[in-house]
Amino acid sequence: MASIIEMPELVLDKIIEFSDLKAVLTLRQVCRDFRNFIDDLKDSKLPDSKFKQIEIISDKDEKKITFDFVGPDDSFYHFEYSETNNSRSFNGKITNMANLNIVDVAIQDLELILKFQKSNLQRLYFHLDDFQLQTESSIHTLPIKLSNMFNAFGRKIKTRELSIKTYHQSQVTPFLPIADLEALKIIDLYSLEDDMEIEIDEIVKIEQWKKAKEMNCDFHVVNLKVEDICHFSRYRVQSNTISARDLDFLKKAITSSLKFEYSWLAVNIFNVNEEIFNLWGPAYLSGSSSLWYFRIKDSEENILVIDIQQVYNHIYFDVIETRNVPNRAIVHDYNEN
């Protein structure tokens, strides 16, 4: 009797086409011939995994790597790679990797699974807890090997949101460029330690930064230039300080745009009240807030409100409707100068 692998290639193509990801991965483990046939297939002939979220996590304390893939129906694929046991676990099934490098195994698995992702992700999340790992562990090589894999992958990852949680900015710049420019809308940069600082001189040069619509950063940005964030329709950022000139620049940029929605700035030091009053005139006071209202260009209904809460050193920019402006507040006309 002929082996199934001896079937015409067209028949095998159809079997793969009408299978889901789990079935293809299972088939790939049947024998070497199936594995080679599947690995040699063009991406276009593979089924769409339709994942909506992928999480890539390294854990320096446990010395392990985990990949979590969430499907549209909340189906869940969990891969775990343990350096301690030199093993791979897939949805609870454990395989010993003998003398193989566990990071290399993880990278190969990820590259294979990404070939099945045709539709857009809602979120791609990196949690890189390995920057301070001692070099005797191979897991500290994960970021650079991931970056190399994505660069060689041949296509960008179509994800609406790209989130990176790490100890250091050196693990941010390699991963922003992997996102497809058309699909990417949101960039999240999260710190694994409180009060950690980041310099964004190089980050702001990356096209994905320039094209994204929303940005959230809980690192303390030490060299913030407001010119590098004013294109976002929504942003959240922390900085050591901000000048009256920078605040006025943001006010002018926002009132000239119909795309802006909301922003939050937190600063460690804020002592520019007198300069702000000279630029914008008296504020409308409400509790701990000093509020200013400005008309937006070419809009009859929308008003920019700037809320400075000096008690907390928080500054909010928001767009409200004219009817929500307090009766005694002054609404400044649009001024492009």
C-alpha atoms as a PDB file:
ATOM      1  CA  MET A   1       0.000   0.000   0.000  1.00  0.00           C
ATOM      2  CA  ALA A   2       1.323   3.428  -0.943  1.00  0.00           C
ATOM      3  CA  SER A   3       2.234   5.848   1.841  1.00  0.00           C
ATOM      4  CA  ILE A   4       0.106   8.967   2.250  1.00  0.00           C
ATOM      5  CA  ILE A   5       3.214  11.031   1.606  1.00  0.00           C
ATOM      6  CA  GLU A   6       3.327   9.445  -1.874  1.00  0.00           C
ATOM      7  CA  MET A   7       0.014  11.063  -2.789  1.00  0.00           C
ATOM      8  CA  PRO A   8       0.090  13.677  -5.582  1.00  0.00           C
ATOM      9  CA  GLU A   9       1.354  17.024  -4.320  1.00  0.00           C
ATOM     10  CA  LEU A  10      -1.944  18.700  -5.248  1.00  0.00           C
ATOM     11  CA  VAL A  11      -3.826  16.309  -2.917  1.00  0.00           C
ATOM     12  CA  LEU A  12      -1.412  17.001  -0.068  1.00  0.00           C
ATOM     13  CA  ASP A  13      -1.754  20.733  -0.703  1.00  0.00           C
ATOM     14  CA  LYS A  14      -5.533  20.419  -0.342  1.00  0.00           C
ATOM     15  CA  ILE A  15      -5.199  18.424   2.890  1.00  0.00           C
ATOM     16  CA  ILE A  16      -3.067  21.208   4.363  1.00  0.00           C
ATOM     17  CA  GLU A  17      -5.344  23.931   2.987  1.00  0.00           C
ATOM     18  CA  PHE A  18      -8.445  22.541   4.720  1.00  0.00           C
ATOM     19  CA  SER A  19      -6.691  21.782   8.025  1.00  0.00           C
ATOM     20  CA  ASP A  20      -6.334  24.151  10.947  1.00  0.00           C
ATOM     21  CA  LEU A  21      -3.053  25.108  12.620  1.00  0.00           C
ATOM     22  CA  LYS A  22      -3.248  22.427  15.314  1.00  0.00           C
ATOM     23  CA  ALA A  23      -3.880  19.691  12.743  1.00  0.00           C
ATOM     24  CA  VAL A  24      -0.953  20.824  10.583  1.00  0.00           C
ATOM     25  CA  LEU A  25       1.405  20.975  13.566  1.00  0.00           C
ATOM     26  CA  THR A  26       0.283  17.480  14.580  1.00  0.00           C
ATOM     27  CA  LEU A  27       0.734  16.196  11.034  1.00  0.00           C
ATOM     28  CA  ARG A  28       4.199  17.713  10.959  1.00  0.00           C
ATOM     29  CA  GLN A  29       5.195  15.521  13.907  1.00  0.00           C
ATOM     30  CA  VAL A  30       4.065  12.272  12.244  1.00  0.00           C
ATOM     31  CA  CYS A  31       7.266  11.724  10.278  1.00  0.00           C
ATOM     32  CA  ARG A  32      10.216  13.474   8.687  1.00  0.00           C
ATOM     33  CA  ASP A  33       8.622  13.390   5.218  1.00  0.00           C
ATOM     34  CA  PHE A  34       5.538  15.286   6.426  1.00  0.00           C
ATOM     35  CA  ARG A  35       7.688  17.751   8.337  1.00  0.00           C
ATOM     36  CA  ASN A  36       9.832  18.466   5.272  1.00  0.00           C
ATOM     37  CA  PHE A  37       6.782  18.763   3.003  1.00  0.00           C
ATOM     38  CA  ILE A  38       5.053  21.252   5.322  1.00  0.00           C
ATOM     39  CA  ASP A  39       8.221  23.262   5.967  1.00  0.00           C
ATOM     40  CA  ASP A  40       8.838  23.581   2.228  1.00  0.00           C
ATOM     41  CA  LEU A  41       5.329  24.837   1.462  1.00  0.00           C
ATOM     42  CA  LYS A  42       4.886  28.454   0.475  1.00  0.00           C
ATOM     43  CA  ASP A  43       3.221  30.548   3.189  1.00  0.00           C
ATOM     44  CA  SER A  44       0.258  31.143   0.856  1.00  0.00           C
ATOM     45  CA  LYS A  45      -0.610  27.426   0.945  1.00  0.00           C
ATOM     46  CA  LEU A  46      -0.738  27.241   4.731  1.00  0.00           C
ATOM     47  CA  PRO A  47      -3.998  27.848   6.644  1.00  0.00           C
ATOM     48  CA  ASP A  48      -4.470  31.134   8.472  1.00  0.00           C
ATOM     49  CA  SER A  49      -4.029  30.674  12.228  1.00  0.00           C
ATOM     50  CA  LYS A  50      -6.097  33.864  12.742  1.00  0.00           C
ATOM     51  CA  PHE A  51      -4.429  34.648  16.054  1.00  0.00           C
ATOM     52  CA  LYS A  52      -5.574  37.892  17.627  1.00  0.00           C
ATOM     53  CA  GLN A  53      -2.768  38.116  20.192  1.00  0.00           C
ATOM     54  CA  ILE A  54       0.782  36.789  20.560  1.00  0.00           C
ATOM     55  CA  GLU A  55       2.824  37.133  23.748  1.00  0.00           C
ATOM     56  CA  ILE A  56       6.571  36.446  23.864  1.00  0.00           C
ATOM     57  CA  ILE A  57       7.925  36.306  27.412  1.00  0.00           C
ATOM     58  CA  SER A  58      11.317  35.597  28.954  1.00  0.00           C
ATOM     59  CA  ASP A  59      11.686  34.948  32.682  1.00  0.00           C
ATOM     60  CA  LYS A  60      15.187  35.311  34.128  1.00  0.00           C
ATOM     61  CA  ASP A  61      14.270  33.882  37.533  1.00  0.00           C
ATOM     62  CA  GLU A  62      12.657  30.729  36.169  1.00  0.00           C
ATOM     63  CA  LYS A  63      15.109  30.599  33.238  1.00  0.00           C
ATOM     64  CA  LYS A  64      12.349  29.951  30.763  1.00  0.00           C
ATOM     65  CA  ILE A  65      10.706  31.359  27.651  1.00  0.00           C
ATOM     66  CA  THR A  66       6.961  31.242  26.997  1.00  0.00           C
ATOM     67  CA  PHE A  67       4.913  31.885  23.881  1.00  0.00           C
ATOM     68  CA  ASP A  68       1.162  32.374  24.165  1.00  0.00           C
ATOM     69  CA  PHE A  69      -1.063  32.480  21.080  1.00  0.00           C
ATOM     70  CA  VAL A  70      -4.717  33.481  21.434  1.00  0.00           C
ATOM     71  CA  GLY A  71      -7.170  32.664  18.645  1.00  0.00           C
ATOM     72  CA  PRO A  72     -10.333  34.540  17.593  1.00  0.00           C
ATOM     73  CA  ASP A  73     -12.506  32.102  19.554  1.00  0.00           C
ATOM     74  CA  ASP A  74     -10.202  32.457  22.589  1.00  0.00           C
ATOM     75  CA  SER A  75      -8.488  29.168  21.715  1.00  0.00           C
ATOM     76  CA  PHE A  76      -5.120  29.086  23.431  1.00  0.00           C
ATOM     77  CA  TYR A  77      -1.725  27.677  22.478  1.00  0.00           C
ATOM     78  CA  HIS A  78       0.935  27.746  25.189  1.00  0.00           C
ATOM     79  CA  PHE A  79       4.594  26.913  24.534  1.00  0.00           C
ATOM     80  CA  GLU A  80       7.105  26.834  27.381  1.00  0.00           C
ATOM     81  CA  TYR A  81      10.860  26.359  27.030  1.00  0.00           C
ATOM     82  CA  SER A  82      12.766  25.548  30.203  1.00  0.00           C
ATOM     83  CA  GLU A  83      16.526  25.950  30.313  1.00  0.00           C
ATOM     84  CA  THR A  84      16.606  24.221  33.707  1.00  0.00           C
ATOM     85  CA  ASN A  85      15.075  21.008  32.326  1.00  0.00           C
ATOM     86  CA  ASN A  86      16.116  21.616  28.717  1.00  0.00           C
ATOM     87  CA  SER A  87      12.556  20.839  27.684  1.00  0.00           C
ATOM     88  CA  ARG A  88       9.713  22.177  25.584  1.00  0.00           C
ATOM     89  CA  SER A  89       6.107  22.014  26.730  1.00  0.00           C
ATOM     90  CA  PHE A  90       3.220  22.500  24.301  1.00  0.00           C
ATOM     91  CA  ASN A  91      -0.197  22.723  25.946  1.00  0.00           C
ATOM     92  CA  GLY A  92       1.082  20.485  28.751  1.00  0.00           C
ATOM     93  CA  LYS A  93       2.918  17.892  26.625  1.00  0.00           C
ATOM     94  CA  ILE A  94       6.616  17.924  27.606  1.00  0.00           C
ATOM     95  CA  THR A  95       9.429  17.002  25.213  1.00  0.00           C
ATOM     96  CA  ASN A  96      13.075  16.708  26.248  1.00  0.00           C
ATOM     97  CA  MET A  97      15.316  18.716  23.936  1.00  0.00           C
ATOM     98  CA  ALA A  98      18.465  16.691  24.758  1.00  0.00           C
ATOM     99  CA  ASN A  99      21.505  18.824  23.925  1.00  0.00           C
ATOM    100  CA  LEU A 100      19.701  21.385  21.780  1.00  0.00           C
ATOM    101  CA  ASN A 101      19.951  25.083  22.663  1.00  0.00           C
ATOM    102  CA  ILE A 102      16.557  25.938  24.127  1.00  0.00           C
ATOM    103  CA  VAL A 103      16.581  29.484  22.720  1.00  0.00           C
ATOM    104  CA  ASP A 104      17.241  28.176  19.207  1.00  0.00           C
ATOM    105  CA  VAL A 105      14.376  25.690  19.563  1.00  0.00           C
ATOM    106  CA  ALA A 106      12.032  28.474  20.667  1.00  0.00           C
ATOM    107  CA  ILE A 107      13.077  30.736  17.769  1.00  0.00           C
ATOM    108  CA  GLN A 108      12.549  27.945  15.207  1.00  0.00           C
ATOM    109  CA  ASP A 109       9.088  27.174  16.595  1.00  0.00           C
ATOM    110  CA  LEU A 110       8.077  30.830  16.552  1.00  0.00           C
ATOM    111  CA  GLU A 111       9.283  31.313  12.982  1.00  0.00           C
ATOM    112  CA  LEU A 112       7.260  28.275  11.877  1.00  0.00           C
ATOM    113  CA  ILE A 113       4.049  29.406  13.601  1.00  0.00           C
ATOM    114  CA  LEU A 114       4.329  32.958  12.290  1.00  0.00           C
ATOM    115  CA  LYS A 115       4.163  31.523   8.751  1.00  0.00           C
ATOM    116  CA  PHE A 116       0.528  30.625   9.488  1.00  0.00           C
ATOM    117  CA  GLN A 117      -0.490  34.152  10.560  1.00  0.00           C
ATOM    118  CA  LYS A 118      -2.171  35.875   7.604  1.00  0.00           C
ATOM    119  CA  SER A 119      -4.776  38.084   9.298  1.00  0.00           C
ATOM    120  CA  ASN A 120      -3.929  41.109  11.437  1.00  0.00           C
ATOM    121  CA  LEU A 121      -3.097  40.709  15.115  1.00  0.00           C
ATOM    122  CA  GLN A 122      -4.774  42.891  17.680  1.00  0.00           C
ATOM    123  CA  ARG A 123      -1.640  42.864  19.834  1.00  0.00           C
ATOM    124  CA  LEU A 124       1.961  41.621  19.754  1.00  0.00           C
ATOM    125  CA  TYR A 125       3.527  41.732  23.215  1.00  0.00           C
ATOM    126  CA  PHE A 126       7.175  41.297  24.246  1.00  0.00           C
ATOM    127  CA  HIS A 127       8.061  40.875  27.931  1.00  0.00           C
ATOM    128  CA  LEU A 128      11.860  40.732  28.014  1.00  0.00           C
ATOM    129  CA  ASP A 129      12.968  39.984  31.556  1.00  0.00           C
ATOM    130  CA  ASP A 130      16.506  38.967  30.626  1.00  0.00           C
ATOM    131  CA  PHE A 131      18.610  42.109  30.298  1.00  0.00           C
ATOM    132  CA  GLN A 132      20.209  41.620  33.725  1.00  0.00           C
ATOM    133  CA  LEU A 133      20.577  37.844  33.350  1.00  0.00           C
ATOM    134  CA  GLN A 134      24.045  36.401  33.891  1.00  0.00           C
ATOM    135  CA  THR A 135      25.746  35.351  30.665  1.00  0.00           C
ATOM    136  CA  GLU A 136      26.042  31.710  31.743  1.00  0.00           C
ATOM    137  CA  SER A 137      22.387  31.382  30.806  1.00  0.00           C
ATOM    138  CA  SER A 138      21.534  31.258  27.105  1.00  0.00           C
ATOM    139  CA  ILE A 139      18.199  33.036  27.654  1.00  0.00           C
ATOM    140  CA  HIS A 140      19.913  36.425  27.637  1.00  0.00           C
ATOM    141  CA  THR A 141      20.503  35.844  23.898  1.00  0.00           C
ATOM    142  CA  LEU A 142      16.750  35.744  23.171  1.00  0.00           C
ATOM    143  CA  PRO A 143      16.294  39.436  22.171  1.00  0.00           C
ATOM    144  CA  ILE A 144      19.134  39.464  19.643  1.00  0.00           C
ATOM    145  CA  LYS A 145      18.113  36.088  18.191  1.00  0.00           C
ATOM    146  CA  LEU A 146      14.503  37.240  17.988  1.00  0.00           C
ATOM    147  CA  SER A 147      15.584  40.413  16.219  1.00  0.00           C
ATOM    148  CA  ASN A 148      17.701  38.431  13.751  1.00  0.00           C
ATOM    149  CA  MET A 149      14.823  36.053  13.067  1.00  0.00           C
ATOM    150  CA  PHE A 150      12.366  38.884  12.388  1.00  0.00           C
ATOM    151  CA  ASN A 151      14.869  40.619  10.101  1.00  0.00           C
ATOM    152  CA  ALA A 152      15.313  37.406   8.105  1.00  0.00           C
ATOM    153  CA  PHE A 153      11.614  36.548   8.166  1.00  0.00           C
ATOM    154  CA  GLY A 154      10.908  38.393   4.968  1.00  0.00           C
ATOM    155  CA  ARG A 155       7.727  40.214   5.985  1.00  0.00           C
ATOM    156  CA  LYS A 156       6.493  42.598   8.650  1.00  0.00           C
ATOM    157  CA  ILE A 157       4.102  41.495  11.380  1.00  0.00           C
ATOM    158  CA  LYS A 158       0.631  42.947  10.880  1.00  0.00           C
ATOM    159  CA  THR A 159      -0.368  44.018  14.363  1.00  0.00           C
ATOM    160  CA  ARG A 160      -2.576  46.867  15.516  1.00  0.00           C
ATOM    161  CA  GLU A 161      -0.738  47.227  18.832  1.00  0.00           C
ATOM    162  CA  LEU A 162       2.935  46.582  19.603  1.00  0.00           C
ATOM    163  CA  SER A 163       3.810  46.382  23.307  1.00  0.00           C
ATOM    164  CA  ILE A 164       7.330  46.054  24.707  1.00  0.00           C
ATOM    165  CA  LYS A 165       8.054  45.602  28.408  1.00  0.00           C
ATOM    166  CA  THR A 166      11.722  45.575  29.338  1.00  0.00           C
ATOM    167  CA  TYR A 167      14.515  46.917  31.523  1.00  0.00           C
ATOM    168  CA  HIS A 168      16.406  48.858  28.891  1.00  0.00           C
ATOM    169  CA  GLN A 169      15.921  50.926  25.745  1.00  0.00           C
ATOM    170  CA  SER A 170      18.341  48.684  23.821  1.00  0.00           C
ATOM    171  CA  GLN A 171      15.529  46.126  23.775  1.00  0.00           C
ATOM    172  CA  VAL A 172      13.077  48.600  22.249  1.00  0.00           C
ATOM    173  CA  THR A 173      14.763  49.765  19.040  1.00  0.00           C
ATOM    174  CA  PRO A 174      15.232  46.257  17.513  1.00  0.00           C
ATOM    175  CA  PHE A 175      11.527  45.403  17.778  1.00  0.00           C
ATOM    176  CA  LEU A 176       9.674  48.529  16.610  1.00  0.00           C
ATOM    177  CA  PRO A 177      10.697  47.989  12.957  1.00  0.00           C
ATOM    178  CA  ILE A 178       9.145  44.495  12.797  1.00  0.00           C
ATOM    179  CA  ALA A 179       5.601  45.929  12.754  1.00  0.00           C
ATOM    180  CA  ASP A 180       3.803  46.535   9.477  1.00  0.00           C
ATOM    181  CA  LEU A 181       3.436  50.291   8.966  1.00  0.00           C
ATOM    182  CA  GLU A 182      -0.121  50.139   7.660  1.00  0.00           C
ATOM    183  CA  ALA A 183      -1.443  47.895  10.422  1.00  0.00           C
ATOM    184  CA  LEU A 184       0.323  49.483  13.416  1.00  0.00           C
ATOM    185  CA  LYS A 185      -1.757  52.006  15.386  1.00  0.00           C
ATOM    186  CA  ILE A 186      -0.509  51.807  19.001  1.00  0.00           C
ATOM    187  CA  ILE A 187       2.972  51.627  20.560  1.00  0.00           C
ATOM    188  CA  ASP A 188       3.321  50.725  24.254  1.00  0.00           C
ATOM    189  CA  LEU A 189       6.672  50.978  26.055  1.00  0.00           C
ATOM    190  CA  TYR A 190       6.594  49.599  29.587  1.00  0.00           C
ATOM    191  CA  SER A 191       9.356  49.476  32.191  1.00  0.00           C
ATOM    192  CA  LEU A 192      10.011  46.437  34.376  1.00  0.00           C
ATOM    193  CA  GLU A 193      11.205  48.716  37.186  1.00  0.00           C
ATOM    194  CA  ASP A 194       9.739  51.922  38.605  1.00  0.00           C
ATOM    195  CA  ASP A 195      11.434  55.226  37.776  1.00  0.00           C
ATOM    196  CA  MET A 196      13.563  53.782  34.991  1.00  0.00           C
ATOM    197  CA  GLU A 197      14.694  56.245  32.332  1.00  0.00           C
ATOM    198  CA  ILE A 198      14.831  56.027  28.565  1.00  0.00           C
ATOM    199  CA  GLU A 199      16.406  58.158  25.844  1.00  0.00           C
ATOM    200  CA  ILE A 200      14.327  58.259  22.676  1.00  0.00           C
ATOM    201  CA  ASP A 201      16.693  60.022  20.251  1.00  0.00           C
ATOM    202  CA  GLU A 202      17.017  56.900  18.104  1.00  0.00           C
ATOM    203  CA  ILE A 203      13.518  55.570  18.725  1.00  0.00           C
ATOM    204  CA  VAL A 204      11.833  58.660  17.240  1.00  0.00           C
ATOM    205  CA  LYS A 205      13.710  58.130  13.959  1.00  0.00           C
ATOM    206  CA  ILE A 206      12.012  54.779  13.369  1.00  0.00           C
ATOM    207  CA  GLU A 207       9.208  54.887  10.789  1.00  0.00           C
ATOM    208  CA  GLN A 208       6.838  52.904  13.017  1.00  0.00           C
ATOM    209  CA  TRP A 209       7.106  55.637  15.663  1.00  0.00           C
ATOM    210  CA  LYS A 210       6.341  58.304  13.077  1.00  0.00           C
ATOM    211  CA  LYS A 211       3.338  56.442  11.619  1.00  0.00           C
ATOM    212  CA  ALA A 212       1.615  55.175  14.791  1.00  0.00           C
ATOM    213  CA  LYS A 213      -1.495  56.990  16.052  1.00  0.00           C
ATOM    214  CA  GLU A 214      -1.148  56.336  19.781  1.00  0.00           C
ATOM    215  CA  MET A 215       1.797  55.996  22.175  1.00  0.00           C
ATOM    216  CA  ASN A 216       2.038  55.012  25.839  1.00  0.00           C
ATOM    217  CA  CYS A 217       5.368  55.166  27.678  1.00  0.00           C
ATOM    218  CA  ASP A 218       5.842  54.639  31.398  1.00  0.00           C
ATOM    219  CA  PHE A 219       9.637  54.997  31.246  1.00  0.00           C
ATOM    220  CA  HIS A 220      10.830  58.446  32.293  1.00  0.00           C
ATOM    221  CA  VAL A 221      11.931  60.124  29.061  1.00  0.00           C
ATOM    222  CA  VAL A 222      15.065  62.133  29.832  1.00  0.00           C
ATOM    223  CA  ASN A 223      15.368  63.949  26.516  1.00  0.00           C
ATOM    224  CA  LEU A 224      11.765  64.532  25.497  1.00  0.00           C
ATOM    225  CA  LYS A 225      11.217  66.813  22.510  1.00  0.00           C
ATOM    226  CA  VAL A 226       7.552  67.623  22.076  1.00  0.00           C
ATOM    227  CA  GLU A 227       8.078  67.827  18.308  1.00  0.00           C
ATOM    228  CA  ASP A 228       8.558  64.039  18.399  1.00  0.00           C
ATOM    229  CA  ILE A 229       5.199  63.270  20.021  1.00  0.00           C
ATOM    230  CA  CYS A 230       2.819  65.902  18.650  1.00  0.00           C
ATOM    231  CA  HIS A 231       1.825  63.729  15.662  1.00  0.00           C
ATOM    232  CA  PHE A 232       0.132  61.162  17.938  1.00  0.00           C
ATOM    233  CA  SER A 233      -3.630  61.522  18.342  1.00  0.00           C
ATOM    234  CA  ARG A 234      -3.299  60.037  21.843  1.00  0.00           C
ATOM    235  CA  TYR A 235      -0.209  59.765  24.039  1.00  0.00           C
ATOM    236  CA  ARG A 236       0.887  59.109  27.588  1.00  0.00           C
ATOM    237  CA  VAL A 237       4.426  60.035  28.595  1.00  0.00           C
ATOM    238  CA  GLN A 238       6.532  60.928  31.624  1.00  0.00           C
ATOM    239  CA  SER A 239       9.414  63.376  31.626  1.00  0.00           C
ATOM    240  CA  ASN A 240      11.709  65.084  34.110  1.00  0.00           C
ATOM    241  CA  THR A 241      10.443  68.536  33.215  1.00  0.00           C
ATOM    242  CA  ILE A 242       8.711  70.520  30.497  1.00  0.00           C
ATOM    243  CA  SER A 243       9.016  74.167  29.510  1.00  0.00           C
ATOM    244  CA  ALA A 244       6.332  76.763  28.889  1.00  0.00           C
ATOM    245  CA  ARG A 245       7.588  76.964  25.307  1.00  0.00           C
ATOM    246  CA  ASP A 246       6.987  73.208  24.877  1.00  0.00           C
ATOM    247  CA  LEU A 247       3.480  73.421  26.301  1.00  0.00           C
ATOM    248  CA  ASP A 248       2.653  76.303  23.987  1.00  0.00           C
ATOM    249  CA  PHE A 249       4.049  74.328  21.037  1.00  0.00           C
ATOM    250  CA  LEU A 250       1.747  71.414  21.893  1.00  0.00           C
ATOM    251  CA  LYS A 251      -1.209  73.786  22.250  1.00  0.00           C
ATOM    252  CA  LYS A 252      -0.593  75.216  18.787  1.00  0.00           C
ATOM    253  CA  ALA A 253      -0.045  71.783  17.213  1.00  0.00           C
ATOM    254  CA  ILE A 254      -3.238  70.388  18.737  1.00  0.00           C
ATOM    255  CA  THR A 255      -5.478  73.343  17.894  1.00  0.00           C
ATOM    256  CA  SER A 256      -4.251  73.084  14.291  1.00  0.00           C
ATOM    257  CA  SER A 257      -5.225  69.394  14.035  1.00  0.00           C
ATOM    258  CA  LEU A 258      -8.587  67.656  13.778  1.00  0.00           C
ATOM    259  CA  LYS A 259      -7.048  64.261  14.617  1.00  0.00           C
ATOM    260  CA  PHE A 260      -6.019  64.880  18.217  1.00  0.00           C
ATOM    261  CA  GLU A 261      -8.014  63.124  20.964  1.00  0.00           C
ATOM    262  CA  TYR A 262      -6.247  63.063  24.336  1.00  0.00           C
ATOM    263  CA  SER A 263      -2.864  63.188  26.090  1.00  0.00           C
ATOM    264  CA  TRP A 264      -1.363  62.931  29.549  1.00  0.00           C
ATOM    265  CA  LEU A 265       2.019  64.262  30.612  1.00  0.00           C
ATOM    266  CA  ALA A 266       3.629  63.646  33.982  1.00  0.00           C
ATOM    267  CA  VAL A 267       6.719  65.633  34.966  1.00  0.00           C
ATOM    268  CA  ASN A 268       8.997  65.473  37.984  1.00  0.00           C
ATOM    269  CA  ILE A 269       9.600  69.215  38.114  1.00  0.00           C
ATOM    270  CA  PHE A 270       7.087  71.870  37.028  1.00  0.00           C
ATOM    271  CA  ASN A 271       7.732  75.516  37.816  1.00  0.00           C
ATOM    272  CA  VAL A 272       6.620  77.489  34.755  1.00  0.00           C
ATOM    273  CA  ASN A 273       3.353  78.936  36.077  1.00  0.00           C
ATOM    274  CA  GLU A 274       4.311  82.573  35.540  1.00  0.00           C
ATOM    275  CA  GLU A 275       5.424  81.939  31.964  1.00  0.00           C
ATOM    276  CA  ILE A 276       2.214  80.029  31.213  1.00  0.00           C
ATOM    277  CA  PHE A 277       0.056  82.864  32.595  1.00  0.00           C
ATOM    278  CA  ASN A 278       1.994  85.324  30.419  1.00  0.00           C
ATOM    279  CA  LEU A 279       1.334  83.163  27.337  1.00  0.00           C
ATOM    280  CA  TRP A 280      -2.255  82.066  27.933  1.00  0.00           C
ATOM    281  CA  GLY A 281      -3.675  84.587  30.361  1.00  0.00           C
ATOM    282  CA  PRO A 282      -5.569  83.761  33.583  1.00  0.00           C
ATOM    283  CA  ALA A 283      -6.731  80.193  34.170  1.00  0.00           C
ATOM    284  CA  TYR A 284     -10.164  78.929  35.149  1.00  0.00           C
ATOM    285  CA  LEU A 285      -9.683  77.359  38.580  1.00  0.00           C
ATOM    286  CA  SER A 286     -11.481  74.174  39.602  1.00  0.00           C
ATOM    287  CA  GLY A 287     -10.217  72.311  42.656  1.00  0.00           C
ATOM    288  CA  SER A 288      -6.542  71.511  42.102  1.00  0.00           C
ATOM    289  CA  SER A 289      -6.824  72.221  38.359  1.00  0.00           C
ATOM    290  CA  SER A 290      -5.835  75.271  36.366  1.00  0.00           C
ATOM    291  CA  LEU A 291      -7.733  75.125  33.081  1.00  0.00           C
ATOM    292  CA  TRP A 292      -7.399  76.929  29.748  1.00  0.00           C
ATOM    293  CA  TYR A 293      -9.757  76.633  26.762  1.00  0.00           C
ATOM    294  CA  PHE A 294      -8.834  77.156  23.101  1.00  0.00           C
ATOM    295  CA  ARG A 295     -10.849  76.931  19.910  1.00  0.00           C
ATOM    296  CA  ILE A 296      -9.689  74.349  17.360  1.00  0.00           C
ATOM    297  CA  LYS A 297      -9.090  75.334  13.754  1.00  0.00           C
ATOM    298  CA  ASP A 298     -12.052  74.769  11.404  1.00  0.00           C
ATOM    299  CA  SER A 299     -14.259  73.395  14.173  1.00  0.00           C
ATOM    300  CA  GLU A 300     -17.376  75.030  15.556  1.00  0.00           C
ATOM    301  CA  GLU A 301     -18.015  72.512  18.334  1.00  0.00           C
ATOM    302  CA  ASN A 302     -14.660  71.225  19.554  1.00  0.00           C
ATOM    303  CA  ILE A 303     -12.588  72.995  22.201  1.00  0.00           C
ATOM    304  CA  LEU A 304      -9.127  72.092  23.482  1.00  0.00           C
ATOM    305  CA  VAL A 305      -8.939  72.120  27.272  1.00  0.00           C
ATOM    306  CA  ILE A 306      -5.541  72.091  28.987  1.00  0.00           C
ATOM    307  CA  ASP A 307      -5.656  70.971  32.597  1.00  0.00           C
ATOM    308  CA  ILE A 308      -2.543  71.554  34.719  1.00  0.00           C
ATOM    309  CA  GLN A 309      -2.672  69.849  38.109  1.00  0.00           C
ATOM    310  CA  GLN A 310       0.402  71.221  39.806  1.00  0.00           C
ATOM    311  CA  VAL A 311      -0.218  69.222  42.998  1.00  0.00           C
ATOM    312  CA  TYR A 312       0.576  66.062  41.024  1.00  0.00           C
ATOM    313  CA  ASN A 313       2.637  67.651  38.234  1.00  0.00           C
ATOM    314  CA  HIS A 314       0.193  66.220  35.710  1.00  0.00           C
ATOM    315  CA  ILE A 315      -0.808  67.971  32.508  1.00  0.00           C
ATOM    316  CA  TYR A 316      -3.816  66.862  30.460  1.00  0.00           C
ATOM    317  CA  PHE A 317      -4.817  67.887  26.954  1.00  0.00           C
ATOM    318  CA  ASP A 318      -8.363  66.935  25.994  1.00  0.00           C
ATOM    319  CA  VAL A 319     -10.960  67.833  23.376  1.00  0.00           C
ATOM    320  CA  ILE A 320     -14.464  68.668  24.596  1.00  0.00           C
ATOM    321  CA  GLU A 321     -17.616  70.105  23.086  1.00  0.00           C
ATOM    322  CA  THR A 322     -18.425  73.800  23.453  1.00  0.00           C
ATOM    323  CA  ARG A 323     -21.453  73.048  25.637  1.00  0.00           C
ATOM    324  CA  ASN A 324     -19.175  71.472  28.260  1.00  0.00           C
ATOM    325  CA  VAL A 325     -17.119  74.622  28.816  1.00  0.00           C
ATOM    326  CA  PRO A 326     -17.920  76.230  32.220  1.00  0.00           C
ATOM    327  CA  ASN A 327     -19.966  79.438  31.984  1.00  0.00           C
ATOM    328  CA  ARG A 328     -17.315  81.738  33.428  1.00  0.00           C
ATOM    329  CA  ALA A 329     -14.373  80.244  31.545  1.00  0.00           C
ATOM    330  CA  ILE A 330     -12.647  82.215  28.796  1.00  0.00           C
ATOM    331  CA  VAL A 331     -12.484  80.451  25.413  1.00  0.00           C
ATOM    332  CA  HIS A 332      -9.536  81.763  23.395  1.00  0.00           C
ATOM    333  CA  ASP A 333      -9.945  82.089  19.636  1.00  0.00           C
ATOM    334  CA  TYR A 334      -7.807  79.955  17.359  1.00  0.00           C
ATOM    335  CA  ASN A 335      -4.458  81.596  16.708  1.00  0.00           C
ATOM    336  CA  GLU A 336      -1.985  79.895  14.403  1.00  0.00           C
ATOM    337  CA  ASN A 337       0.917  82.163  15.497  1.00  0.00           C
END
